C-alpha atoms as a PDB file:
ATOM      1  CA  MET A   1      48.354 -97.233 -28.647  1.00  0.00           C
ATOM      2  CA  LYS A   2      49.222 -95.034 -31.736  1.00  0.00           C
ATOM      3  CA  ASN A   3      45.568 -93.456 -31.847  1.00  0.00           C
ATOM      4  CA  TRP A   4      45.738 -92.933 -28.176  1.00  0.00           C
ATOM      5  CA  ILE A   5      48.999 -90.740 -28.892  1.00  0.00           C
ATOM      6  CA  ALA A   6      47.721 -88.965 -31.447  1.00  0.00           C
ATOM      7  CA  GLY A   7      44.661 -88.320 -29.669  1.00  0.00           C
ATOM      8  CA  ALA A   8      46.681 -86.921 -26.446  1.00  0.00           C
ATOM      9  CA  ALA A   9      48.991 -84.967 -28.604  1.00  0.00           C
ATOM     10  CA  LEU A  10      45.792 -83.199 -30.187  1.00  0.00           C
ATOM     11  CA  ALA A  11      44.308 -82.242 -26.939  1.00  0.00           C
ATOM     12  CA  LEU A  12      47.734 -81.292 -25.440  1.00  0.00           C
ATOM     13  CA  ALA A  13      47.794 -78.530 -28.460  1.00  0.00           C
ATOM     14  CA  ALA A  14      44.118 -77.345 -28.219  1.00  0.00           C
ATOM     15  CA  MET A  15      44.846 -76.550 -24.489  1.00  0.00           C
ATOM     16  CA  THR A  16      48.334 -74.593 -25.287  1.00  0.00           C
ATOM     17  CA  GLY A  17      46.700 -73.017 -28.126  1.00  0.00           C
ATOM     18  CA  GLN A  18      43.600 -72.099 -25.536  1.00  0.00           C
ATOM     19  CA  ALA A  19      45.887 -71.048 -22.647  1.00  0.00           C
ATOM     20  CA  TYR A  20      47.865 -68.992 -25.448  1.00  0.00           C
ATOM     21  CA  ALA A  21      44.947 -67.572 -26.947  1.00  0.00           C
ATOM     22  CA  ASP A  22      43.493 -66.504 -23.053  1.00  0.00           C
ATOM     23  CA  GLY A  23      47.192 -64.779 -22.791  1.00  0.00           C
ATOM     24  CA  HIS A  24      48.152 -67.120 -20.279  1.00  0.00           C
ATOM     25  CA  GLY A  25      51.150 -68.943 -22.466  1.00  0.00           C
ATOM     26  CA  ASP A  26      54.737 -69.329 -21.738  1.00  0.00           C
ATOM     27  CA  TYR A  27      55.618 -66.124 -24.060  1.00  0.00           C
ATOM     28  CA  PRO A  28      58.528 -65.360 -24.034  1.00  0.00           C
ATOM     29  CA  GLU A  29      60.061 -68.197 -24.335  1.00  0.00           C
ATOM     30  CA  ARG A  30      63.228 -67.281 -25.877  1.00  0.00           C
ATOM     31  CA  PRO A  31      64.986 -63.937 -26.212  1.00  0.00           C
ATOM     32  CA  ILE A  32      63.530 -61.141 -27.987  1.00  0.00           C
ATOM     33  CA  MET A  33      65.238 -59.154 -30.864  1.00  0.00           C
ATOM     34  CA  MET A  34      64.445 -55.304 -31.284  1.00  0.00           C
ATOM     35  CA  MET A  35      65.022 -53.742 -34.523  1.00  0.00           C
ATOM     36  CA  VAL A  36      66.492 -50.307 -34.257  1.00  0.00           C
ATOM     37  CA  SER A  37      66.404 -48.352 -37.926  1.00  0.00           C
ATOM     38  CA  TYR A  38      69.361 -45.948 -36.770  1.00  0.00           C
ATOM     39  CA  GLY A  39      73.139 -46.640 -36.767  1.00  0.00           C
ATOM     40  CA  ALA A  40      75.190 -47.727 -33.368  1.00  0.00           C
ATOM     41  CA  GLY A  41      75.643 -44.714 -31.255  1.00  0.00           C
ATOM     42  CA  GLY A  42      72.827 -42.634 -32.133  1.00  0.00           C
ATOM     43  CA  ALA A  43      70.209 -41.269 -29.657  1.00  0.00           C
ATOM     44  CA  THR A  44      67.873 -44.234 -30.878  1.00  0.00           C
ATOM     45  CA  ASP A  45      70.188 -46.924 -30.513  1.00  0.00           C
ATOM     46  CA  PHE A  46      71.784 -45.263 -27.552  1.00  0.00           C
ATOM     47  CA  GLN A  47      67.961 -45.077 -26.111  1.00  0.00           C
ATOM     48  CA  ALA A  48      66.843 -48.293 -26.956  1.00  0.00           C
ATOM     49  CA  ARG A  49      70.086 -50.146 -25.296  1.00  0.00           C
ATOM     50  CA  ILE A  50      68.937 -48.302 -22.082  1.00  0.00           C
ATOM     51  CA  VAL A  51      64.908 -49.051 -21.914  1.00  0.00           C
ATOM     52  CA  THR A  52      65.779 -52.799 -22.678  1.00  0.00           C
ATOM     53  CA  MET A  53      68.348 -53.562 -20.429  1.00  0.00           C
ATOM     54  CA  THR A  54      65.651 -54.898 -17.681  1.00  0.00           C
ATOM     55  CA  ALA A  55      63.836 -56.758 -19.949  1.00  0.00           C
ATOM     56  CA  GLY A  56      65.613 -60.210 -18.447  1.00  0.00           C
ATOM     57  CA  ASN A  57      64.288 -59.427 -15.063  1.00  0.00           C
ATOM     58  CA  GLU A  58      61.544 -62.107 -13.750  1.00  0.00           C
ATOM     59  CA  ASP A  59      59.257 -58.681 -12.881  1.00  0.00           C
ATOM     60  CA  ALA A  60      59.748 -57.463 -16.685  1.00  0.00           C
ATOM     61  CA  LEU A  61      59.667 -59.977 -19.406  1.00  0.00           C
ATOM     62  CA  GLY A  62      61.737 -62.643 -18.158  1.00  0.00           C
ATOM     63  CA  MET A  63      64.238 -62.892 -21.455  1.00  0.00           C
ATOM     64  CA  PRO A  64      66.436 -60.082 -22.660  1.00  0.00           C
ATOM     65  CA  ILE A  65      65.745 -57.972 -25.732  1.00  0.00           C
ATOM     66  CA  ALA A  66      68.794 -57.817 -28.295  1.00  0.00           C
ATOM     67  CA  ILE A  67      69.267 -54.218 -30.245  1.00  0.00           C
ATOM     68  CA  VAL A  68      69.604 -55.377 -33.926  1.00  0.00           C
ATOM     69  CA  ASN A  69      70.810 -52.126 -36.364  1.00  0.00           C
ATOM     70  CA  ARG A  70      69.120 -51.894 -39.759  1.00  0.00           C
ATOM     71  CA  PRO A  71      70.210 -48.331 -40.417  1.00  0.00           C
ATOM     72  CA  GLY A  72      69.452 -46.685 -43.891  1.00  0.00           C
ATOM     73  CA  ALA A  73      67.842 -44.068 -45.815  1.00  0.00           C
ATOM     74  CA  GLY A  74      66.490 -41.994 -42.657  1.00  0.00           C
ATOM     75  CA  GLY A  75      65.006 -45.538 -41.413  1.00  0.00           C
ATOM     76  CA  ARG A  76      63.384 -46.398 -44.368  1.00  0.00           C
ATOM     77  CA  VAL A  77      65.280 -49.616 -44.731  1.00  0.00           C
ATOM     78  CA  GLY A  78      64.800 -51.058 -41.178  1.00  0.00           C
ATOM     79  CA  TRP A  79      61.065 -49.865 -41.133  1.00  0.00           C
ATOM     80  CA  ASN A  80      60.315 -51.266 -44.791  1.00  0.00           C
ATOM     81  CA  TRP A  81      61.758 -55.125 -43.720  1.00  0.00           C
ATOM     82  CA  LEU A  82      59.620 -54.650 -40.422  1.00  0.00           C
ATOM     83  CA  ALA A  83      56.314 -53.957 -42.376  1.00  0.00           C
ATOM     84  CA  THR A  84      57.264 -56.498 -44.837  1.00  0.00           C
ATOM     85  CA  GLU A  85      59.470 -59.212 -43.952  1.00  0.00           C
ATOM     86  CA  ALA A  86      59.731 -59.465 -40.035  1.00  0.00           C
ATOM     87  CA  GLU A  87      58.188 -62.140 -38.552  1.00  0.00           C
ATOM     88  CA  ALA A  88      54.958 -61.505 -36.768  1.00  0.00           C
ATOM     89  CA  ASP A  89      55.444 -63.644 -33.532  1.00  0.00           C
ATOM     90  CA  GLY A  90      56.504 -61.263 -30.739  1.00  0.00           C
ATOM     91  CA  TYR A  91      59.922 -62.163 -31.028  1.00  0.00           C
ATOM     92  CA  THR A  92      60.745 -59.433 -33.517  1.00  0.00           C
ATOM     93  CA  LEU A  93      60.230 -56.033 -32.287  1.00  0.00           C
ATOM     94  CA  GLY A  94      60.714 -52.746 -33.726  1.00  0.00           C
ATOM     95  CA  ALA A  95      61.799 -49.239 -31.927  1.00  0.00           C
ATOM     96  CA  TYR A  96      59.857 -46.482 -33.852  1.00  0.00           C
ATOM     97  CA  ASN A  97      60.620 -42.699 -34.007  1.00  0.00           C
ATOM     98  CA  ILE A  98      57.997 -40.382 -34.452  1.00  0.00           C
ATOM     99  CA  PRO A  99      57.399 -38.350 -36.960  1.00  0.00           C
ATOM    100  CA  HIS A 100      60.168 -39.694 -39.068  1.00  0.00           C
ATOM    101  CA  PHE A 101      58.188 -42.883 -40.414  1.00  0.00           C
ATOM    102  CA  VAL A 102      54.797 -41.058 -40.174  1.00  0.00           C
ATOM    103  CA  ALA A 103      55.973 -38.445 -42.418  1.00  0.00           C
ATOM    104  CA  GLN A 104      57.922 -40.604 -44.607  1.00  0.00           C
ATOM    105  CA  SER A 105      54.658 -42.395 -45.421  1.00  0.00           C
ATOM    106  CA  ILE A 106      52.677 -39.649 -46.049  1.00  0.00           C
ATOM    107  CA  GLU A 107      55.658 -38.436 -48.969  1.00  0.00           C
ATOM    108  CA  GLY A 108      55.594 -41.594 -50.125  1.00  0.00           C
ATOM    109  CA  GLY A 109      58.156 -44.314 -51.685  1.00  0.00           C
ATOM    110  CA  VAL A 110      57.816 -46.521 -48.445  1.00  0.00           C
ATOM    111  CA  SER A 111      56.206 -49.919 -47.721  1.00  0.00           C
ATOM    112  CA  TYR A 112      54.466 -48.869 -44.269  1.00  0.00           C
ATOM    113  CA  SER A 113      52.527 -46.404 -42.573  1.00  0.00           C
ATOM    114  CA  THR A 114      51.131 -46.539 -39.124  1.00  0.00           C
ATOM    115  CA  ASP A 115      48.435 -49.450 -40.456  1.00  0.00           C
ATOM    116  CA  SER A 116      51.433 -51.635 -40.924  1.00  0.00           C
ATOM    117  CA  PHE A 117      52.745 -51.625 -36.740  1.00  0.00           C
ATOM    118  CA  GLU A 118      51.054 -51.991 -33.437  1.00  0.00           C
ATOM    119  CA  PRO A 119      52.314 -49.744 -30.565  1.00  0.00           C
ATOM    120  CA  ILE A 120      53.400 -50.918 -27.641  1.00  0.00           C
ATOM    121  CA  ALA A 121      54.527 -48.264 -25.299  1.00  0.00           C
ATOM    122  CA  ASN A 122      56.707 -44.811 -25.629  1.00  0.00           C
ATOM    123  CA  TRP A 123      59.636 -44.064 -23.701  1.00  0.00           C
ATOM    124  CA  GLY A 124      60.941 -40.706 -24.722  1.00  0.00           C
ATOM    125  CA  ALA A 125      60.337 -37.389 -26.282  1.00  0.00           C
ATOM    126  CA  ASP A 126      63.513 -35.789 -27.562  1.00  0.00           C
ATOM    127  CA  PRO A 127      63.193 -32.357 -29.085  1.00  0.00           C
ATOM    128  CA  ALA A 128      65.451 -30.947 -32.088  1.00  0.00           C
ATOM    129  CA  VAL A 129      68.034 -28.788 -31.465  1.00  0.00           C
ATOM    130  CA  PHE A 130      69.952 -26.319 -33.952  1.00  0.00           C
ATOM    131  CA  VAL A 131      73.958 -26.827 -33.140  1.00  0.00           C
ATOM    132  CA  VAL A 132      77.194 -25.678 -34.354  1.00  0.00           C
ATOM    133  CA  GLY A 133      80.531 -26.461 -33.698  1.00  0.00           C
ATOM    134  CA  ALA A 134      82.115 -25.139 -30.320  1.00  0.00           C
ATOM    135  CA  ASP A 135      84.611 -22.620 -32.176  1.00  0.00           C
ATOM    136  CA  SER A 136      81.649 -21.419 -34.471  1.00  0.00           C
ATOM    137  CA  ALA A 137      80.948 -17.502 -34.932  1.00  0.00           C
ATOM    138  CA  PHE A 138      77.486 -18.113 -34.857  1.00  0.00           C
ATOM    139  CA  ASN A 139      76.369 -17.677 -31.164  1.00  0.00           C
ATOM    140  CA  SER A 140      72.465 -17.262 -31.822  1.00  0.00           C
ATOM    141  CA  MET A 141      69.609 -17.953 -34.615  1.00  0.00           C
ATOM    142  CA  GLU A 142      69.720 -14.648 -35.106  1.00  0.00           C
ATOM    143  CA  ASP A 143      73.535 -15.049 -36.459  1.00  0.00           C
ATOM    144  CA  VAL A 144      72.220 -18.202 -38.159  1.00  0.00           C
ATOM    145  CA  VAL A 145      69.718 -16.515 -39.944  1.00  0.00           C
ATOM    146  CA  ASN A 146      71.644 -13.721 -40.979  1.00  0.00           C
ATOM    147  CA  TYR A 147      74.262 -15.486 -42.498  1.00  0.00           C
ATOM    148  CA  ALA A 148      71.740 -17.582 -44.230  1.00  0.00           C
ATOM    149  CA  ASN A 149      70.199 -14.370 -45.753  1.00  0.00           C
ATOM    150  CA  GLU A 150      73.542 -12.721 -46.998  1.00  0.00           C
ATOM    151  CA  ASN A 151      74.369 -16.110 -48.171  1.00  0.00           C
ATOM    152  CA  PRO A 152      71.133 -17.902 -49.981  1.00  0.00           C
ATOM    153  CA  GLY A 153      71.847 -21.288 -49.944  1.00  0.00           C
ATOM    154  CA  GLY A 154      75.216 -21.245 -48.340  1.00  0.00           C
ATOM    155  CA  LEU A 155      74.247 -22.075 -44.849  1.00  0.00           C
ATOM    156  CA  THR A 156      75.110 -26.117 -45.078  1.00  0.00           C
ATOM    157  CA  PHE A 157      73.844 -28.150 -42.192  1.00  0.00           C
ATOM    158  CA  SER A 158      73.206 -31.922 -41.577  1.00  0.00           C
ATOM    159  CA  GLY A 159      70.451 -34.080 -40.054  1.00  0.00           C
ATOM    160  CA  ALA A 160      69.472 -37.705 -39.846  1.00  0.00           C
ATOM    161  CA  GLY A 161      67.776 -37.888 -43.286  1.00  0.00           C
ATOM    162  CA  LEU A 162      65.091 -36.766 -45.098  1.00  0.00           C
ATOM    163  CA  PHE A 163      61.195 -36.393 -43.629  1.00  0.00           C
ATOM    164  CA  VAL A 164      62.632 -37.181 -40.158  1.00  0.00           C
ATOM    165  CA  GLY A 165      62.187 -34.856 -37.448  1.00  0.00           C
ATOM    166  CA  HIS A 166      65.889 -33.221 -38.239  1.00  0.00           C
ATOM    167  CA  HIS A 167      64.294 -32.500 -41.856  1.00  0.00           C
ATOM    168  CA  ILE A 168      60.761 -31.202 -40.756  1.00  0.00           C
ATOM    169  CA  ALA A 169      62.573 -28.993 -38.200  1.00  0.00           C
ATOM    170  CA  ALA A 170      64.594 -27.591 -41.051  1.00  0.00           C
ATOM    171  CA  LEU A 171      61.903 -26.967 -43.381  1.00  0.00           C
ATOM    172  CA  GLN A 172      60.053 -25.189 -40.558  1.00  0.00           C
ATOM    173  CA  LEU A 173      63.108 -22.935 -39.827  1.00  0.00           C
ATOM    174  CA  GLU A 174      63.279 -22.266 -43.492  1.00  0.00           C
ATOM    175  CA  LYS A 175      59.607 -20.956 -43.772  1.00  0.00           C
ATOM    176  CA  ALA A 176      59.690 -19.226 -40.343  1.00  0.00           C
ATOM    177  CA  ALA A 177      62.839 -17.180 -41.176  1.00  0.00           C
ATOM    178  CA  GLY A 178      61.798 -16.847 -44.822  1.00  0.00           C
ATOM    179  CA  VAL A 179      65.367 -18.221 -46.089  1.00  0.00           C
ATOM    180  CA  LYS A 180      66.728 -21.063 -47.892  1.00  0.00           C
ATOM    181  CA  LEU A 181      69.102 -23.183 -46.390  1.00  0.00           C
ATOM    182  CA  ALA A 182      71.248 -26.310 -47.505  1.00  0.00           C
ATOM    183  CA  TYR A 183      69.903 -29.510 -45.754  1.00  0.00           C
ATOM    184  CA  ILE A 184      72.303 -32.225 -45.826  1.00  0.00           C
ATOM    185  CA  PRO A 185      70.986 -35.535 -44.503  1.00  0.00           C
ATOM    186  CA  ASN A 186      73.561 -38.089 -43.208  1.00  0.00           C
ATOM    187  CA  ASN A 187      73.874 -41.591 -44.494  1.00  0.00           C
ATOM    188  CA  ALA A 188      74.734 -42.410 -40.878  1.00  0.00           C
ATOM    189  CA  GLY A 189      71.996 -41.063 -39.085  1.00  0.00           C
ATOM    190  CA  GLY A 190      72.093 -38.738 -36.022  1.00  0.00           C
ATOM    191  CA  ALA A 191      75.562 -40.064 -34.982  1.00  0.00           C
ATOM    192  CA  GLY A 192      76.853 -39.220 -38.486  1.00  0.00           C
ATOM    193  CA  ALA A 193      75.206 -35.760 -38.465  1.00  0.00           C
ATOM    194  CA  MET A 194      76.991 -34.685 -35.131  1.00  0.00           C
ATOM    195  CA  ARG A 195      80.419 -35.720 -36.515  1.00  0.00           C
ATOM    196  CA  ALA A 196      79.990 -33.690 -39.427  1.00  0.00           C
ATOM    197  CA  VAL A 197      78.792 -30.683 -37.238  1.00  0.00           C
ATOM    198  CA  ILE A 198      82.399 -31.559 -35.264  1.00  0.00           C
ATOM    199  CA  ALA A 199      84.595 -32.095 -37.954  1.00  0.00           C
ATOM    200  CA  GLY A 200      83.530 -28.581 -39.667  1.00  0.00           C
ATOM    201  CA  GLU A 201      82.299 -30.538 -42.610  1.00  0.00           C
ATOM    202  CA  VAL A 202      79.177 -28.184 -42.203  1.00  0.00           C
ATOM    203  CA  LEU A 203      78.470 -24.986 -40.737  1.00  0.00           C
ATOM    204  CA  GLY A 204      75.659 -26.432 -38.193  1.00  0.00           C
ATOM    205  CA  GLY A 205      73.358 -28.912 -37.617  1.00  0.00           C
ATOM    206  CA  VAL A 206      69.986 -30.312 -36.587  1.00  0.00           C
ATOM    207  CA  ASN A 207      70.090 -32.892 -34.103  1.00  0.00           C
ATOM    208  CA  ASN A 208      68.496 -34.851 -31.073  1.00  0.00           C
ATOM    209  CA  LEU A 209      68.650 -33.030 -27.673  1.00  0.00           C
ATOM    210  CA  SER A 210      70.077 -35.769 -26.386  1.00  0.00           C
ATOM    211  CA  ASP A 211      72.637 -36.248 -28.787  1.00  0.00           C
ATOM    212  CA  ALA A 212      73.688 -32.554 -28.877  1.00  0.00           C
ATOM    213  CA  PHE A 213      73.720 -32.200 -24.500  1.00  0.00           C
ATOM    214  CA  ARG A 214      76.636 -34.859 -24.696  1.00  0.00           C
ATOM    215  CA  ALA A 215      78.486 -33.241 -27.510  1.00  0.00           C
ATOM    216  CA  GLN A 216      78.218 -29.785 -25.645  1.00  0.00           C
ATOM    217  CA  ALA A 217      78.856 -31.705 -22.242  1.00  0.00           C
ATOM    218  CA  ALA A 218      81.998 -32.712 -24.146  1.00  0.00           C
ATOM    219  CA  GLY A 219      82.697 -29.541 -25.519  1.00  0.00           C
ATOM    220  CA  ASN A 220      82.502 -30.172 -29.024  1.00  0.00           C
ATOM    221  CA  VAL A 221      79.354 -28.086 -30.035  1.00  0.00           C
ATOM    222  CA  LYS A 222      77.289 -25.593 -28.987  1.00  0.00           C
ATOM    223  CA  ILE A 223      73.532 -25.702 -28.924  1.00  0.00           C
ATOM    224  CA  LEU A 224      71.779 -22.391 -30.073  1.00  0.00           C
ATOM    225  CA  GLY A 225      68.164 -23.299 -30.171  1.00  0.00           C
ATOM    226  CA  VAL A 226      65.003 -25.848 -29.433  1.00  0.00           C
ATOM    227  CA  PHE A 227      62.384 -26.795 -31.487  1.00  0.00           C
ATOM    228  CA  ASP A 228      59.608 -27.287 -28.748  1.00  0.00           C
ATOM    229  CA  LEU A 229      57.177 -25.342 -27.379  1.00  0.00           C
ATOM    230  CA  GLU A 230      59.003 -24.846 -23.908  1.00  0.00           C
ATOM    231  CA  ARG A 231      62.714 -24.607 -22.911  1.00  0.00           C
ATOM    232  CA  ASN A 232      63.911 -28.132 -21.625  1.00  0.00           C
ATOM    233  CA  THR A 233      64.361 -26.918 -18.378  1.00  0.00           C
ATOM    234  CA  GLU A 234      65.915 -30.208 -16.929  1.00  0.00           C
ATOM    235  CA  PHE A 235      69.243 -30.489 -19.301  1.00  0.00           C
ATOM    236  CA  LEU A 236      69.211 -26.979 -21.293  1.00  0.00           C
ATOM    237  CA  PRO A 237      67.802 -24.462 -18.839  1.00  0.00           C
ATOM    238  CA  ASP A 238      69.556 -21.939 -20.818  1.00  0.00           C
ATOM    239  CA  VAL A 239      69.021 -22.541 -24.330  1.00  0.00           C
ATOM    240  CA  PRO A 240      66.147 -20.465 -25.572  1.00  0.00           C
ATOM    241  CA  THR A 241      63.435 -22.027 -27.701  1.00  0.00           C
ATOM    242  CA  MET A 242      62.927 -21.068 -31.811  1.00  0.00           C
ATOM    243  CA  VAL A 243      59.447 -19.055 -30.604  1.00  0.00           C
ATOM    244  CA  GLU A 244      61.627 -17.151 -27.772  1.00  0.00           C
ATOM    245  CA  GLN A 245      64.055 -16.015 -30.644  1.00  0.00           C
ATOM    246  CA  GLY A 246      61.373 -14.688 -32.911  1.00  0.00           C
ATOM    247  CA  PHE A 247      60.396 -17.795 -35.084  1.00  0.00           C
ATOM    248  CA  ASP A 248      56.840 -19.246 -35.221  1.00  0.00           C
ATOM    249  CA  ILE A 249      58.174 -22.974 -35.117  1.00  0.00           C
ATOM    250  CA  ASP A 250      55.998 -25.192 -32.823  1.00  0.00           C
ATOM    251  CA  ASN A 251      56.881 -29.162 -31.837  1.00  0.00           C
ATOM    252  CA  ALA A 252      56.012 -30.968 -34.703  1.00  0.00           C
ATOM    253  CA  SER A 253      59.470 -32.107 -35.029  1.00  0.00           C
ATOM    254  CA  VAL A 254      59.577 -33.673 -31.436  1.00  0.00           C
ATOM    255  CA  ASN A 255      60.981 -37.100 -32.035  1.00  0.00           C
ATOM    256  CA  PHE A 256      58.572 -39.599 -29.845  1.00  0.00           C
ATOM    257  CA  ARG A 257      60.833 -42.909 -29.799  1.00  0.00           C
ATOM    258  CA  GLY A 258      59.091 -46.019 -28.322  1.00  0.00           C
ATOM    259  CA  VAL A 259      58.354 -49.780 -29.243  1.00  0.00           C
ATOM    260  CA  MET A 260      56.045 -51.498 -31.879  1.00  0.00           C
ATOM    261  CA  VAL A 261      55.321 -54.612 -33.003  1.00  0.00           C
ATOM    262  CA  PRO A 262      54.362 -55.733 -37.029  1.00  0.00           C
ATOM    263  CA  LYS A 263      51.007 -55.832 -37.941  1.00  0.00           C
ATOM    264  CA  GLY A 264      49.315 -59.427 -37.509  1.00  0.00           C
ATOM    265  CA  THR A 265      51.414 -60.143 -34.342  1.00  0.00           C
ATOM    266  CA  PRO A 266      48.973 -62.414 -31.806  1.00  0.00           C
ATOM    267  CA  GLN A 267      46.743 -59.874 -29.807  1.00  0.00           C
ATOM    268  CA  PRO A 268      47.714 -61.776 -26.298  1.00  0.00           C
ATOM    269  CA  ILE A 269      51.035 -61.121 -26.939  1.00  0.00           C
ATOM    270  CA  ILE A 270      50.722 -57.442 -27.761  1.00  0.00           C
ATOM    271  CA  ASP A 271      48.868 -57.262 -24.532  1.00  0.00           C
ATOM    272  CA  LYS A 272      51.507 -59.014 -22.649  1.00  0.00           C
ATOM    273  CA  LEU A 273      54.234 -56.760 -24.038  1.00  0.00           C
ATOM    274  CA  ALA A 274      51.629 -53.339 -23.318  1.00  0.00           C
ATOM    275  CA  ALA A 275      50.986 -54.184 -19.630  1.00  0.00           C
ATOM    276  CA  THR A 276      54.955 -55.109 -19.332  1.00  0.00           C
ATOM    277  CA  VAL A 277      56.916 -52.574 -21.281  1.00  0.00           C
ATOM    278  CA  PRO A 278      55.824 -49.298 -19.550  1.00  0.00           C
ATOM    279  CA  ALA A 279      57.172 -50.433 -16.216  1.00  0.00           C
ATOM    280  CA  MET A 280      60.309 -51.495 -17.560  1.00  0.00           C
ATOM    281  CA  PHE A 281      60.626 -47.887 -18.802  1.00  0.00           C
ATOM    282  CA  GLU A 282      60.236 -46.856 -15.221  1.00  0.00           C
ATOM    283  CA  ASN A 283      62.556 -48.900 -13.552  1.00  0.00           C
ATOM    284  CA  SER A 284      64.699 -46.514 -11.836  1.00  0.00           C
ATOM    285  CA  ARG A 285      67.993 -47.841 -13.207  1.00  0.00           C
ATOM    286  CA  VAL A 286      66.800 -47.205 -16.269  1.00  0.00           C
ATOM    287  CA  GLN A 287      65.410 -43.705 -15.518  1.00  0.00           C
ATOM    288  CA  SER A 288      68.776 -42.611 -14.030  1.00  0.00           C
ATOM    289  CA  ARG A 289      70.491 -43.753 -16.910  1.00  0.00           C
ATOM    290  CA  MET A 290      68.696 -41.958 -19.166  1.00  0.00           C
ATOM    291  CA  ALA A 291      68.810 -38.931 -17.459  1.00  0.00           C
ATOM    292  CA  ALA A 292      72.864 -39.456 -17.259  1.00  0.00           C
ATOM    293  CA  GLY A 293      72.742 -39.274 -20.972  1.00  0.00           C
ATOM    294  CA  GLY A 294      70.702 -36.149 -21.300  1.00  0.00           C
ATOM    295  CA  SER A 295      67.658 -38.300 -22.996  1.00  0.00           C
ATOM    296  CA  PRO A 296      64.091 -36.631 -21.921  1.00  0.00           C
ATOM    297  CA  MET A 297      61.856 -39.318 -21.281  1.00  0.00           C
ATOM    298  CA  GLN A 298      58.055 -39.566 -21.808  1.00  0.00           C
ATOM    299  CA  ILE A 299      56.138 -42.882 -21.006  1.00  0.00           C
ATOM    300  CA  MET A 300      53.156 -43.650 -22.578  1.00  0.00           C
ATOM    301  CA  THR A 301      51.114 -46.510 -22.610  1.00  0.00           C
ATOM    302  CA  ARG A 302      49.487 -48.508 -25.600  1.00  0.00           C
ATOM    303  CA  ASP A 303      46.504 -46.569 -25.975  1.00  0.00           C
ATOM    304  CA  GLU A 304      48.182 -43.446 -25.283  1.00  0.00           C
ATOM    305  CA  VAL A 305      50.224 -44.185 -28.468  1.00  0.00           C
ATOM    306  CA  LEU A 306      47.695 -45.150 -30.429  1.00  0.00           C
ATOM    307  CA  GLU A 307      45.955 -41.628 -29.596  1.00  0.00           C
ATOM    308  CA  MET A 308      49.570 -40.228 -30.075  1.00  0.00           C
ATOM    309  CA  TRP A 309      50.167 -41.456 -33.565  1.00  0.00           C
ATOM    310  CA  ALA A 310      46.591 -40.564 -34.919  1.00  0.00           C
ATOM    311  CA  ALA A 311      47.449 -36.910 -33.910  1.00  0.00           C
ATOM    312  CA  ARG A 312      50.782 -36.363 -35.252  1.00  0.00           C
ATOM    313  CA  GLN A 313      49.370 -38.298 -39.016  1.00  0.00           C
ATOM    314  CA  GLU A 314      46.775 -35.243 -39.211  1.00  0.00           C
ATOM    315  CA  THR A 315      49.634 -32.910 -37.949  1.00  0.00           C
ATOM    316  CA  LEU A 316      51.947 -33.740 -40.020  1.00  0.00           C
ATOM    317  CA  GLU A 317      49.286 -34.427 -43.305  1.00  0.00           C
ATOM    318  CA  GLU A 318      48.790 -30.328 -43.339  1.00  0.00           C
ATOM    319  CA  LEU A 319      52.030 -29.312 -42.578  1.00  0.00           C
ATOM    320  CA  LEU A 320      53.850 -31.578 -45.346  1.00  0.00           C
ATOM    321  CA  ALA A 321      51.268 -30.305 -47.477  1.00  0.00           C
ATOM    322  CA  GLY A 322      51.725 -26.330 -46.475  1.00  0.00           C
ATOM    323  CA  LEU A 323      55.962 -27.151 -46.953  1.00  0.00           C
END
């Protein structure tokens, strides 16, 4: 009898394993966690909570996704954890920010690179913008650069960290304008960087369009320029790009956001997520909530994200070497 039970158990395990290998298992069987490597209230956290809100629907994953924040060092704390300590079992996802983690891996001192993760899908593309307090005397990027010329190193402005999109935009502005700026990374990420501008702790800031859009709507800041190739006609049709204002700055700092998993996650789980998550992003409730929050969407499949990651790696290696 014992031998029969043992044999039956082995047969059941083999059947379950084969179903799992074929991608027909019951994943997910419990709620999923998604790590955001920035603090609560910032653009990544704000958007991650929206784009995952339908995960529990039967036509999605059928299980909710809980957001867990692991902020610090411009995202390094969270991504180091995801690359080196997180379980690669499909129940631990991570939000990625490009160019952030790619630029950080190029600069070194971290335990991750694009080889540490597997992308699932991209939900947004959020350009950097230059913001000043609502009562600032600056009304254009020309005003900002003129001040920087007259006060070398005296133009203090905030951003979410080192070698994140904000910092890359700042480096590009310095080079294009031929000025020395005082970039101050904020330990509390984009939300903290915006608070520093509003409180008058700095003269300006580089932040995400989505954060800045909400802050401007509340009457707290003015947005003077967009670090992208074209104006954002959906949210900021009246705000010119840096190129329009005479500065040769491309879209290298645009913040792509999406979902990834640690390397080693079983391929059937990656395939299930890759097939399901983009449809979650396309949900009409998700899209309306994102639009209301001034959050530009750009949905990309796993294959498209793999191409984007590779292209950004090449662009950033060249850009950072030049800067």
